[in-house]
Amino acid sequence: MPRACASASGLSCVLRSRASAAPAIANFLLISGLRVQILQTGLDLEAFFARVRAASTRVLMLDYDGTLAPFRVDPAQAAPYPGVVPLLDAIMATGRTRLLIVSGRWTRDLIPLLGLRRVPEIWGSHGWERLHPDGGYEAAPIDPPVRARLSQMEEWVGQVEPLGGRCERKPSGMAIHWRGLDNARRSEIRNVVFQKWMETGYAEDLDWHDFDGGIELRAPGRDKGDVVRTISSEGGADSVFAYLGDDLTDESAFDAMPAGGLSVLVRPEFRRTHAGLWLHPPGDLLDFLNRWHTAAGHD
């Protein structure tokens, strides 16, 4: 997110910057049992799933909060929607899909919530962490001045939490949550964080990101788009890709999708997006995952 958009109107600033390119909402379509809203002119879902069937490599990238799981006031209680876990287990069990979770959460906080038979590949902290299926772990290095700023942010907790906010520490930043609070309290927390962020150079070292339910201050240099570009570079010429996400932080991933890839907005309410498809969770989400599982082939 542009740092100049970090004021109280930051969210609307991002939306305005994309307004001219945002697609109109299409009517609902019923395609082989999948009820969808097409957002991208020329998107042919039947042709996409035909390529899923024919591909030698299939890659399914999934955001967690708001996509696979509903938001909760306490994020530690955000379990997947009913029906999601069995479908993901089934997709992974065939060995015909490379399934990844791409989340803003710290990987260690996410794993207990998944409830899967085996841990998939996980990219955490918006791409700063990578956990391989075999347990191998990588964390991108953070510049020492930025790391020092992250340590100093611990001093903010005592000002935010008495207002009802919750501070979530991550390897690359801190998220300040206000889900469940009234608008007045949210504004108060935002103003406190904004004032602290503007002090003594924090704005030079940490990027401000609005998300659905709070603010995250994060080390610059990585986002979910970098994850998509890395995974795309690891695929073969006939690989097929899909990315499902809900929040503004997923837009960088939508923008980074390779040609022929499918970007899917998953949320109850529409918002401006660069995704090509809009699904309503949980029903449409489950239908899509089941359609993927069928197209990829299973025993």
C-alpha atoms as a PDB file:
ATOM      1  CA  MET A   1       0.000   0.000   0.000  1.00  0.00           C
ATOM      2  CA  PRO A   2       1.384   3.446  -0.808  1.00  0.00           C
ATOM      3  CA  ARG A   3       2.713   5.050   2.355  1.00  0.00           C
ATOM      4  CA  ALA A   4       0.967   8.293   1.472  1.00  0.00           C
ATOM      5  CA  CYS A   5      -2.339   6.417   1.887  1.00  0.00           C
ATOM      6  CA  ALA A   6      -1.705   5.499   5.517  1.00  0.00           C
ATOM      7  CA  SER A   7      -3.983   8.090   7.071  1.00  0.00           C
ATOM      8  CA  ALA A   8      -7.477   7.330   8.337  1.00  0.00           C
ATOM      9  CA  SER A   9      -8.637   7.348   4.717  1.00  0.00           C
ATOM     10  CA  GLY A  10      -5.990   4.864   3.591  1.00  0.00           C
ATOM     11  CA  LEU A  11      -8.429   2.135   2.620  1.00  0.00           C
ATOM     12  CA  SER A  12     -10.448   4.401   0.360  1.00  0.00           C
ATOM     13  CA  CYS A  13      -7.203   5.644  -1.178  1.00  0.00           C
ATOM     14  CA  VAL A  14      -6.323   2.114  -2.306  1.00  0.00           C
ATOM     15  CA  LEU A  15      -9.798   1.575  -3.706  1.00  0.00           C
ATOM     16  CA  ARG A  16      -9.773   4.884  -5.584  1.00  0.00           C
ATOM     17  CA  SER A  17      -6.428   4.004  -7.167  1.00  0.00           C
ATOM     18  CA  ARG A  18      -7.997   0.873  -8.644  1.00  0.00           C
ATOM     19  CA  ALA A  19     -11.448   2.217  -9.425  1.00  0.00           C
ATOM     20  CA  SER A  20     -10.788   2.872 -13.097  1.00  0.00           C
ATOM     21  CA  ALA A  21      -9.663  -0.732 -13.675  1.00  0.00           C
ATOM     22  CA  ALA A  22     -12.274  -2.454 -11.523  1.00  0.00           C
ATOM     23  CA  PRO A  23     -14.665  -4.703 -13.446  1.00  0.00           C
ATOM     24  CA  ALA A  24     -18.410  -4.409 -13.213  1.00  0.00           C
ATOM     25  CA  ILE A  25     -20.260  -7.103 -11.308  1.00  0.00           C
ATOM     26  CA  ALA A  26     -21.620  -9.722 -13.665  1.00  0.00           C
ATOM     27  CA  ASN A  27     -24.794 -11.717 -13.162  1.00  0.00           C
ATOM     28  CA  PHE A  28     -24.709 -15.074 -11.433  1.00  0.00           C
ATOM     29  CA  LEU A  29     -23.898 -17.963 -13.748  1.00  0.00           C
ATOM     30  CA  LEU A  30     -24.516 -21.651 -13.148  1.00  0.00           C
ATOM     31  CA  ILE A  31     -21.656 -23.625 -14.654  1.00  0.00           C
ATOM     32  CA  SER A  32     -21.646 -27.404 -14.126  1.00  0.00           C
ATOM     33  CA  GLY A  33     -23.178 -26.992 -10.686  1.00  0.00           C
ATOM     34  CA  LEU A  34     -20.864 -24.129  -9.679  1.00  0.00           C
ATOM     35  CA  ARG A  35     -22.769 -20.900  -8.964  1.00  0.00           C
ATOM     36  CA  VAL A  36     -20.366 -18.042  -9.643  1.00  0.00           C
ATOM     37  CA  GLN A  37     -20.102 -14.398 -10.538  1.00  0.00           C
ATOM     38  CA  ILE A  38     -17.726 -13.727 -13.404  1.00  0.00           C
ATOM     39  CA  LEU A  39     -15.842 -10.449 -13.032  1.00  0.00           C
ATOM     40  CA  GLN A  40     -13.368 -10.698 -15.900  1.00  0.00           C
ATOM     41  CA  THR A  41     -14.466 -10.322 -19.494  1.00  0.00           C
ATOM     42  CA  GLY A  42     -13.706 -13.453 -21.450  1.00  0.00           C
ATOM     43  CA  LEU A  43     -13.196 -15.725 -18.456  1.00  0.00           C
ATOM     44  CA  ASP A  44     -14.336 -19.242 -19.405  1.00  0.00           C
ATOM     45  CA  LEU A  45     -14.563 -21.496 -16.360  1.00  0.00           C
ATOM     46  CA  GLU A  46     -15.297 -24.605 -18.385  1.00  0.00           C
ATOM     47  CA  ALA A  47     -12.101 -24.037 -20.346  1.00  0.00           C
ATOM     48  CA  PHE A  48     -10.179 -23.383 -17.125  1.00  0.00           C
ATOM     49  CA  PHE A  49     -11.280 -26.637 -15.499  1.00  0.00           C
ATOM     50  CA  ALA A  50     -10.527 -28.470 -18.751  1.00  0.00           C
ATOM     51  CA  ARG A  51      -6.964 -27.221 -18.385  1.00  0.00           C
ATOM     52  CA  VAL A  52      -6.975 -28.384 -14.751  1.00  0.00           C
ATOM     53  CA  ARG A  53      -7.891 -31.866 -15.994  1.00  0.00           C
ATOM     54  CA  ALA A  54      -5.184 -31.863 -18.672  1.00  0.00           C
ATOM     55  CA  ALA A  55      -2.338 -30.196 -16.777  1.00  0.00           C
ATOM     56  CA  SER A  56       0.715 -32.085 -15.593  1.00  0.00           C
ATOM     57  CA  THR A  57       1.102 -29.643 -12.691  1.00  0.00           C
ATOM     58  CA  ARG A  58      -1.780 -28.092 -10.770  1.00  0.00           C
ATOM     59  CA  VAL A  59      -1.210 -25.400  -8.151  1.00  0.00           C
ATOM     60  CA  LEU A  60      -3.935 -24.266  -5.764  1.00  0.00           C
ATOM     61  CA  MET A  61      -3.007 -21.298  -3.545  1.00  0.00           C
ATOM     62  CA  LEU A  62      -5.359 -20.427  -0.696  1.00  0.00           C
ATOM     63  CA  ASP A  63      -5.516 -17.549   1.745  1.00  0.00           C
ATOM     64  CA  TYR A  64      -6.753 -18.559   5.204  1.00  0.00           C
ATOM     65  CA  ASP A  65      -8.629 -15.901   7.216  1.00  0.00           C
ATOM     66  CA  GLY A  66     -11.790 -14.790   5.441  1.00  0.00           C
ATOM     67  CA  THR A  67     -11.254 -17.355   2.681  1.00  0.00           C
ATOM     68  CA  LEU A  68     -11.026 -20.820   4.219  1.00  0.00           C
ATOM     69  CA  ALA A  69     -12.182 -19.678   7.653  1.00  0.00           C
ATOM     70  CA  PRO A  70     -14.646 -17.021   8.832  1.00  0.00           C
ATOM     71  CA  PHE A  71     -13.323 -14.066  10.758  1.00  0.00           C
ATOM     72  CA  ARG A  72     -13.559 -14.228  14.538  1.00  0.00           C
ATOM     73  CA  VAL A  73     -13.069 -11.538  17.179  1.00  0.00           C
ATOM     74  CA  ASP A  74     -10.444 -13.872  18.646  1.00  0.00           C
ATOM     75  CA  PRO A  75      -8.339 -15.049  15.671  1.00  0.00           C
ATOM     76  CA  ALA A  76      -7.255 -18.107  17.657  1.00  0.00           C
ATOM     77  CA  GLN A  77     -10.857 -19.351  17.290  1.00  0.00           C
ATOM     78  CA  ALA A  78     -10.960 -18.990  13.482  1.00  0.00           C
ATOM     79  CA  ALA A  79     -11.388 -22.624  12.446  1.00  0.00           C
ATOM     80  CA  PRO A  80     -12.091 -23.510   8.791  1.00  0.00           C
ATOM     81  CA  TYR A  81     -15.651 -23.539   7.503  1.00  0.00           C
ATOM     82  CA  PRO A  82     -17.346 -26.932   7.957  1.00  0.00           C
ATOM     83  CA  GLY A  83     -16.511 -29.135   4.988  1.00  0.00           C
ATOM     84  CA  VAL A  84     -13.279 -27.359   4.021  1.00  0.00           C
ATOM     85  CA  VAL A  85     -10.851 -29.664   5.849  1.00  0.00           C
ATOM     86  CA  PRO A  86     -12.142 -32.952   4.311  1.00  0.00           C
ATOM     87  CA  LEU A  87     -11.966 -31.428   0.831  1.00  0.00           C
ATOM     88  CA  LEU A  88      -8.420 -30.133   1.296  1.00  0.00           C
ATOM     89  CA  ASP A  89      -7.356 -33.486   2.741  1.00  0.00           C
ATOM     90  CA  ALA A  90      -8.859 -35.237  -0.284  1.00  0.00           C
ATOM     91  CA  ILE A  91      -7.191 -32.878  -2.770  1.00  0.00           C
ATOM     92  CA  MET A  92      -3.788 -33.393  -1.156  1.00  0.00           C
ATOM     93  CA  ALA A  93      -4.240 -37.152  -0.803  1.00  0.00           C
ATOM     94  CA  THR A  94      -4.397 -37.662  -4.572  1.00  0.00           C
ATOM     95  CA  GLY A  95      -0.942 -36.142  -5.040  1.00  0.00           C
ATOM     96  CA  ARG A  96      -2.211 -34.425  -8.182  1.00  0.00           C
ATOM     97  CA  THR A  97      -2.330 -30.874  -6.818  1.00  0.00           C
ATOM     98  CA  ARG A  98       0.336 -28.756  -5.191  1.00  0.00           C
ATOM     99  CA  LEU A  99      -1.693 -27.072  -2.465  1.00  0.00           C
ATOM    100  CA  LEU A 100      -0.370 -24.048  -0.595  1.00  0.00           C
ATOM    101  CA  ILE A 101      -1.697 -21.849   2.182  1.00  0.00           C
ATOM    102  CA  VAL A 102      -0.647 -18.215   1.675  1.00  0.00           C
ATOM    103  CA  SER A 103      -1.434 -16.271   4.825  1.00  0.00           C
ATOM    104  CA  GLY A 104      -0.606 -13.112   6.696  1.00  0.00           C
ATOM    105  CA  ARG A 105      -0.373 -15.155   9.896  1.00  0.00           C
ATOM    106  CA  TRP A 106       2.789 -16.386  11.538  1.00  0.00           C
ATOM    107  CA  THR A 107       3.102 -20.021  10.420  1.00  0.00           C
ATOM    108  CA  ARG A 108       3.368 -21.277  13.992  1.00  0.00           C
ATOM    109  CA  ASP A 109       0.003 -19.664  14.818  1.00  0.00           C
ATOM    110  CA  LEU A 110      -1.693 -21.004  11.698  1.00  0.00           C
ATOM    111  CA  ILE A 111      -0.757 -24.688  11.804  1.00  0.00           C
ATOM    112  CA  PRO A 112      -2.896 -25.594  14.869  1.00  0.00           C
ATOM    113  CA  LEU A 113      -5.987 -24.092  13.208  1.00  0.00           C
ATOM    114  CA  LEU A 114      -5.783 -26.012   9.935  1.00  0.00           C
ATOM    115  CA  GLY A 115      -6.772 -29.409  11.294  1.00  0.00           C
ATOM    116  CA  LEU A 116      -5.416 -31.186   8.211  1.00  0.00           C
ATOM    117  CA  ARG A 117      -4.074 -34.738   8.208  1.00  0.00           C
ATOM    118  CA  ARG A 118      -0.724 -33.422   7.049  1.00  0.00           C
ATOM    119  CA  VAL A 119       0.699 -29.936   6.969  1.00  0.00           C
ATOM    120  CA  PRO A 120       0.795 -28.503   3.434  1.00  0.00           C
ATOM    121  CA  GLU A 121       3.268 -25.993   2.101  1.00  0.00           C
ATOM    122  CA  ILE A 122       2.637 -22.719   3.955  1.00  0.00           C
ATOM    123  CA  TRP A 123       3.809 -19.224   3.153  1.00  0.00           C
ATOM    124  CA  GLY A 124       3.297 -17.115   6.266  1.00  0.00           C
ATOM    125  CA  SER A 125       3.664 -13.465   7.255  1.00  0.00           C
ATOM    126  CA  HIS A 126       2.753 -12.295   3.729  1.00  0.00           C
ATOM    127  CA  GLY A 127       5.624 -14.173   2.126  1.00  0.00           C
ATOM    128  CA  TRP A 128       8.355 -13.612   4.701  1.00  0.00           C
ATOM    129  CA  GLU A 129       8.187 -17.255   5.807  1.00  0.00           C
ATOM    130  CA  ARG A 130       8.067 -20.502   3.847  1.00  0.00           C
ATOM    131  CA  LEU A 131       7.325 -23.857   5.456  1.00  0.00           C
ATOM    132  CA  HIS A 132       7.868 -26.826   3.152  1.00  0.00           C
ATOM    133  CA  PRO A 133       5.742 -29.979   3.382  1.00  0.00           C
ATOM    134  CA  ASP A 134       8.782 -31.906   4.637  1.00  0.00           C
ATOM    135  CA  GLY A 135       9.152 -29.481   7.556  1.00  0.00           C
ATOM    136  CA  GLY A 136      11.946 -27.388   6.074  1.00  0.00           C
ATOM    137  CA  TYR A 137      11.622 -23.744   7.074  1.00  0.00           C
ATOM    138  CA  GLU A 138      12.917 -20.546   5.480  1.00  0.00           C
ATOM    139  CA  ALA A 139      12.619 -16.977   6.718  1.00  0.00           C
ATOM    140  CA  ALA A 140      13.707 -14.078   4.543  1.00  0.00           C
ATOM    141  CA  PRO A 141      16.253 -11.782   6.220  1.00  0.00           C
ATOM    142  CA  ILE A 142      15.039  -8.419   7.487  1.00  0.00           C
ATOM    143  CA  ASP A 143      17.342  -5.411   7.457  1.00  0.00           C
ATOM    144  CA  PRO A 144      18.738  -4.622  10.939  1.00  0.00           C
ATOM    145  CA  PRO A 145      17.235  -1.088  11.111  1.00  0.00           C
ATOM    146  CA  VAL A 146      13.797  -2.498  10.302  1.00  0.00           C
ATOM    147  CA  ARG A 147      14.210  -5.292  12.831  1.00  0.00           C
ATOM    148  CA  ALA A 148      15.080  -2.672  15.443  1.00  0.00           C
ATOM    149  CA  ARG A 149      11.863  -0.810  14.650  1.00  0.00           C
ATOM    150  CA  LEU A 150       9.881  -4.018  15.034  1.00  0.00           C
ATOM    151  CA  SER A 151      11.372  -4.560  18.486  1.00  0.00           C
ATOM    152  CA  GLN A 152      10.554  -1.001  19.504  1.00  0.00           C
ATOM    153  CA  MET A 153       6.908  -1.536  18.564  1.00  0.00           C
ATOM    154  CA  GLU A 154       6.485  -3.602  21.722  1.00  0.00           C
ATOM    155  CA  GLU A 155       6.188  -0.245  23.493  1.00  0.00           C
ATOM    156  CA  TRP A 156       2.948   0.420  21.578  1.00  0.00           C
ATOM    157  CA  VAL A 157       1.118  -2.544  23.064  1.00  0.00           C
ATOM    158  CA  GLY A 158       0.497  -0.735  26.346  1.00  0.00           C
ATOM    159  CA  GLN A 159      -1.320   2.046  24.500  1.00  0.00           C
ATOM    160  CA  VAL A 160      -3.345  -0.092  22.075  1.00  0.00           C
ATOM    161  CA  GLU A 161      -4.591  -2.938  24.237  1.00  0.00           C
ATOM    162  CA  PRO A 162      -6.218  -0.784  26.941  1.00  0.00           C
ATOM    163  CA  LEU A 163      -8.402   0.621  24.138  1.00  0.00           C
ATOM    164  CA  GLY A 164      -9.604  -2.868  23.271  1.00  0.00           C
ATOM    165  CA  GLY A 165      -7.209  -3.566  20.418  1.00  0.00           C
ATOM    166  CA  ARG A 166      -5.193  -6.743  20.114  1.00  0.00           C
ATOM    167  CA  CYS A 167      -1.564  -6.767  18.997  1.00  0.00           C
ATOM    168  CA  GLU A 168      -0.434  -9.761  16.946  1.00  0.00           C
ATOM    169  CA  ARG A 169       3.335 -10.170  16.716  1.00  0.00           C
ATOM    170  CA  LYS A 170       4.839 -11.614  13.549  1.00  0.00           C
ATOM    171  CA  PRO A 171       8.404 -12.125  12.303  1.00  0.00           C
ATOM    172  CA  SER A 172       8.006  -9.246   9.846  1.00  0.00           C
ATOM    173  CA  GLY A 173       5.644  -6.883  11.630  1.00  0.00           C
ATOM    174  CA  MET A 174       2.734  -6.346  13.969  1.00  0.00           C
ATOM    175  CA  ALA A 175      -0.991  -6.462  13.236  1.00  0.00           C
ATOM    176  CA  ILE A 176      -3.352  -4.375  15.344  1.00  0.00           C
ATOM    177  CA  HIS A 177      -6.827  -5.921  15.426  1.00  0.00           C
ATOM    178  CA  TRP A 178     -10.054  -4.126  16.336  1.00  0.00           C
ATOM    179  CA  ARG A 179     -12.685  -6.572  15.132  1.00  0.00           C
ATOM    180  CA  GLY A 180     -15.786  -6.407  17.350  1.00  0.00           C
ATOM    181  CA  LEU A 181     -15.163  -2.825  18.513  1.00  0.00           C
ATOM    182  CA  ASP A 182     -17.399   0.127  17.689  1.00  0.00           C
ATOM    183  CA  ASN A 183     -16.358   2.741  15.145  1.00  0.00           C
ATOM    184  CA  ALA A 184     -15.369   5.302  17.760  1.00  0.00           C
ATOM    185  CA  ARG A 185     -12.949   2.899  19.440  1.00  0.00           C
ATOM    186  CA  ARG A 186     -11.543   1.804  16.080  1.00  0.00           C
ATOM    187  CA  SER A 187     -10.857   5.418  15.150  1.00  0.00           C
ATOM    188  CA  GLU A 188      -9.173   6.003  18.478  1.00  0.00           C
ATOM    189  CA  ILE A 189      -6.878   3.015  17.974  1.00  0.00           C
ATOM    190  CA  ARG A 190      -6.108   4.047  14.387  1.00  0.00           C
ATOM    191  CA  ASN A 191      -5.169   7.546  15.518  1.00  0.00           C
ATOM    192  CA  VAL A 192      -2.884   6.222  18.253  1.00  0.00           C
ATOM    193  CA  VAL A 193      -1.137   3.879  15.824  1.00  0.00           C
ATOM    194  CA  PHE A 194      -0.854   6.553  13.155  1.00  0.00           C
ATOM    195  CA  GLN A 195       0.747   9.005  15.568  1.00  0.00           C
ATOM    196  CA  LYS A 196       3.243   6.389  16.747  1.00  0.00           C
ATOM    197  CA  TRP A 197       3.999   5.320  13.185  1.00  0.00           C
ATOM    198  CA  MET A 198       4.813   8.906  12.218  1.00  0.00           C
ATOM    199  CA  GLU A 199       7.253   9.334  15.112  1.00  0.00           C
ATOM    200  CA  THR A 200      11.025   9.303  14.582  1.00  0.00           C
ATOM    201  CA  GLY A 201      11.180   7.522  11.276  1.00  0.00           C
ATOM    202  CA  TYR A 202       8.869   4.551  11.704  1.00  0.00           C
ATOM    203  CA  ALA A 203       7.141   5.525   8.453  1.00  0.00           C
ATOM    204  CA  GLU A 204      10.493   5.270   6.662  1.00  0.00           C
ATOM    205  CA  ASP A 205      11.132   1.704   7.834  1.00  0.00           C
ATOM    206  CA  LEU A 206       7.703   0.080   8.101  1.00  0.00           C
ATOM    207  CA  ASP A 207       4.875  -0.063   5.563  1.00  0.00           C
ATOM    208  CA  TRP A 208       1.284   0.571   6.635  1.00  0.00           C
ATOM    209  CA  HIS A 209      -1.348  -1.926   5.404  1.00  0.00           C
ATOM    210  CA  ASP A 210      -5.078  -1.729   6.058  1.00  0.00           C
ATOM    211  CA  PHE A 211      -6.865  -5.056   6.237  1.00  0.00           C
ATOM    212  CA  ASP A 212     -10.360  -6.255   7.073  1.00  0.00           C
ATOM    213  CA  GLY A 213     -10.393  -5.760  10.839  1.00  0.00           C
ATOM    214  CA  GLY A 214      -7.331  -3.672  11.559  1.00  0.00           C
ATOM    215  CA  ILE A 215      -3.931  -2.358  10.509  1.00  0.00           C
ATOM    216  CA  GLU A 216      -0.618  -4.083   9.962  1.00  0.00           C
ATOM    217  CA  LEU A 217       2.773  -2.380  10.081  1.00  0.00           C
ATOM    218  CA  ARG A 218       5.219  -4.547   8.199  1.00  0.00           C
ATOM    219  CA  ALA A 219       8.745  -4.684   6.891  1.00  0.00           C
ATOM    220  CA  PRO A 220       8.786  -3.519   3.265  1.00  0.00           C
ATOM    221  CA  GLY A 221       9.883  -5.650   0.367  1.00  0.00           C
ATOM    222  CA  ARG A 222       7.584  -8.682   0.317  1.00  0.00           C
ATOM    223  CA  ASP A 223       3.919  -9.434  -0.205  1.00  0.00           C
ATOM    224  CA  LYS A 224       1.688 -12.232  -1.445  1.00  0.00           C
ATOM    225  CA  GLY A 225       2.440 -11.252  -5.023  1.00  0.00           C
ATOM    226  CA  ASP A 226       6.045 -12.339  -4.460  1.00  0.00           C
ATOM    227  CA  VAL A 227       4.748 -15.745  -3.367  1.00  0.00           C
ATOM    228  CA  VAL A 228       2.739 -16.141  -6.567  1.00  0.00           C
ATOM    229  CA  ARG A 229       5.704 -15.102  -8.721  1.00  0.00           C
ATOM    230  CA  THR A 230       7.994 -17.575  -6.948  1.00  0.00           C
ATOM    231  CA  ILE A 231       5.540 -20.451  -7.242  1.00  0.00           C
ATOM    232  CA  SER A 232       4.824 -19.614 -10.883  1.00  0.00           C
ATOM    233  CA  SER A 233       8.533 -19.695 -11.670  1.00  0.00           C
ATOM    234  CA  GLU A 234       8.754 -23.179 -10.158  1.00  0.00           C
ATOM    235  CA  GLY A 235       5.971 -24.564 -12.366  1.00  0.00           C
ATOM    236  CA  GLY A 236       6.270 -26.099 -15.815  1.00  0.00           C
ATOM    237  CA  ALA A 237       5.054 -24.710 -19.107  1.00  0.00           C
ATOM    238  CA  ASP A 238       1.662 -26.423 -18.869  1.00  0.00           C
ATOM    239  CA  SER A 239       1.073 -25.687 -15.178  1.00  0.00           C
ATOM    240  CA  VAL A 240      -2.312 -24.340 -14.144  1.00  0.00           C
ATOM    241  CA  PHE A 241      -2.673 -21.956 -11.212  1.00  0.00           C
ATOM    242  CA  ALA A 242      -5.487 -20.645  -9.036  1.00  0.00           C
ATOM    243  CA  TYR A 243      -5.368 -18.266  -6.079  1.00  0.00           C
ATOM    244  CA  LEU A 244      -8.295 -17.730  -3.691  1.00  0.00           C
ATOM    245  CA  GLY A 245      -8.314 -14.761  -1.302  1.00  0.00           C
ATOM    246  CA  ASP A 246     -10.587 -12.203   0.296  1.00  0.00           C
ATOM    247  CA  ASP A 247      -8.703  -9.154   1.519  1.00  0.00           C
ATOM    248  CA  LEU A 248      -6.820  -6.156   0.132  1.00  0.00           C
ATOM    249  CA  THR A 249      -3.599  -7.977   0.974  1.00  0.00           C
ATOM    250  CA  ASP A 250      -4.567 -10.602  -1.630  1.00  0.00           C
ATOM    251  CA  GLU A 251      -4.726  -8.069  -4.460  1.00  0.00           C
ATOM    252  CA  SER A 252      -0.958  -8.254  -4.993  1.00  0.00           C
ATOM    253  CA  ALA A 253      -1.386 -12.003  -5.523  1.00  0.00           C
ATOM    254  CA  PHE A 254      -4.247 -11.471  -7.975  1.00  0.00           C
ATOM    255  CA  ASP A 255      -2.103  -9.004  -9.912  1.00  0.00           C
ATOM    256  CA  ALA A 256       0.838 -11.424 -10.028  1.00  0.00           C
ATOM    257  CA  MET A 257      -1.096 -14.395 -11.431  1.00  0.00           C
ATOM    258  CA  PRO A 258       0.464 -15.733 -14.632  1.00  0.00           C
ATOM    259  CA  ALA A 259      -1.427 -15.749 -17.909  1.00  0.00           C
ATOM    260  CA  GLY A 260      -4.200 -18.306 -17.787  1.00  0.00           C
ATOM    261  CA  GLY A 261      -4.247 -18.389 -13.995  1.00  0.00           C
ATOM    262  CA  LEU A 262      -7.487 -17.879 -12.093  1.00  0.00           C
ATOM    263  CA  SER A 263      -7.776 -15.317  -9.301  1.00  0.00           C
ATOM    264  CA  VAL A 264     -10.831 -15.715  -7.078  1.00  0.00           C
ATOM    265  CA  LEU A 265     -12.335 -13.278  -4.590  1.00  0.00           C
ATOM    266  CA  VAL A 266     -13.956 -15.176  -1.698  1.00  0.00           C
ATOM    267  CA  ARG A 267     -16.103 -13.014   0.583  1.00  0.00           C
ATOM    268  CA  PRO A 268     -19.771 -12.408   1.427  1.00  0.00           C
ATOM    269  CA  GLU A 269     -19.776  -8.796   0.202  1.00  0.00           C
ATOM    270  CA  PHE A 270     -18.368  -7.562  -3.079  1.00  0.00           C
ATOM    271  CA  ARG A 271     -15.521  -5.053  -3.174  1.00  0.00           C
ATOM    272  CA  ARG A 272     -13.484  -3.653  -6.032  1.00  0.00           C
ATOM    273  CA  THR A 273     -10.884  -6.202  -7.056  1.00  0.00           C
ATOM    274  CA  HIS A 274      -8.613  -7.441  -9.812  1.00  0.00           C
ATOM    275  CA  ALA A 275      -9.881 -10.998  -9.317  1.00  0.00           C
ATOM    276  CA  GLY A 276     -11.646 -12.682 -12.206  1.00  0.00           C
ATOM    277  CA  LEU A 277     -14.240 -14.556 -10.169  1.00  0.00           C
ATOM    278  CA  TRP A 278     -16.297 -13.896  -7.027  1.00  0.00           C
ATOM    279  CA  LEU A 279     -17.457 -16.695  -4.743  1.00  0.00           C
ATOM    280  CA  HIS A 280     -19.623 -16.461  -1.628  1.00  0.00           C
ATOM    281  CA  PRO A 281     -18.384 -18.589   1.275  1.00  0.00           C
ATOM    282  CA  PRO A 282     -18.912 -21.155   2.435  1.00  0.00           C
ATOM    283  CA  GLY A 283     -21.229 -22.746  -0.144  1.00  0.00           C
ATOM    284  CA  ASP A 284     -19.612 -21.448  -3.335  1.00  0.00           C
ATOM    285  CA  LEU A 285     -16.148 -22.054  -1.869  1.00  0.00           C
ATOM    286  CA  LEU A 286     -16.944 -25.705  -1.174  1.00  0.00           C
ATOM    287  CA  ASP A 287     -18.409 -26.099  -4.654  1.00  0.00           C
ATOM    288  CA  PHE A 288     -15.239 -24.674  -6.206  1.00  0.00           C
ATOM    289  CA  LEU A 289     -12.931 -26.927  -4.181  1.00  0.00           C
ATOM    290  CA  ASN A 290     -15.037 -29.942  -5.059  1.00  0.00           C
ATOM    291  CA  ARG A 291     -14.982 -28.976  -8.739  1.00  0.00           C
ATOM    292  CA  TRP A 292     -11.180 -28.655  -8.578  1.00  0.00           C
ATOM    293  CA  HIS A 293     -10.903 -32.058  -6.892  1.00  0.00           C
ATOM    294  CA  THR A 294     -13.050 -33.657  -9.589  1.00  0.00           C
ATOM    295  CA  ALA A 295     -11.197 -31.982 -12.452  1.00  0.00           C
ATOM    296  CA  ALA A 296      -7.768 -32.864 -11.034  1.00  0.00           C
ATOM    297  CA  GLY A 297      -8.817 -36.494 -10.879  1.00  0.00           C
ATOM    298  CA  HIS A 298      -9.080 -38.812  -7.917  1.00  0.00           C
ATOM    299  CA  ASP A 299      -9.273 -42.530  -7.250  1.00  0.00           C
END
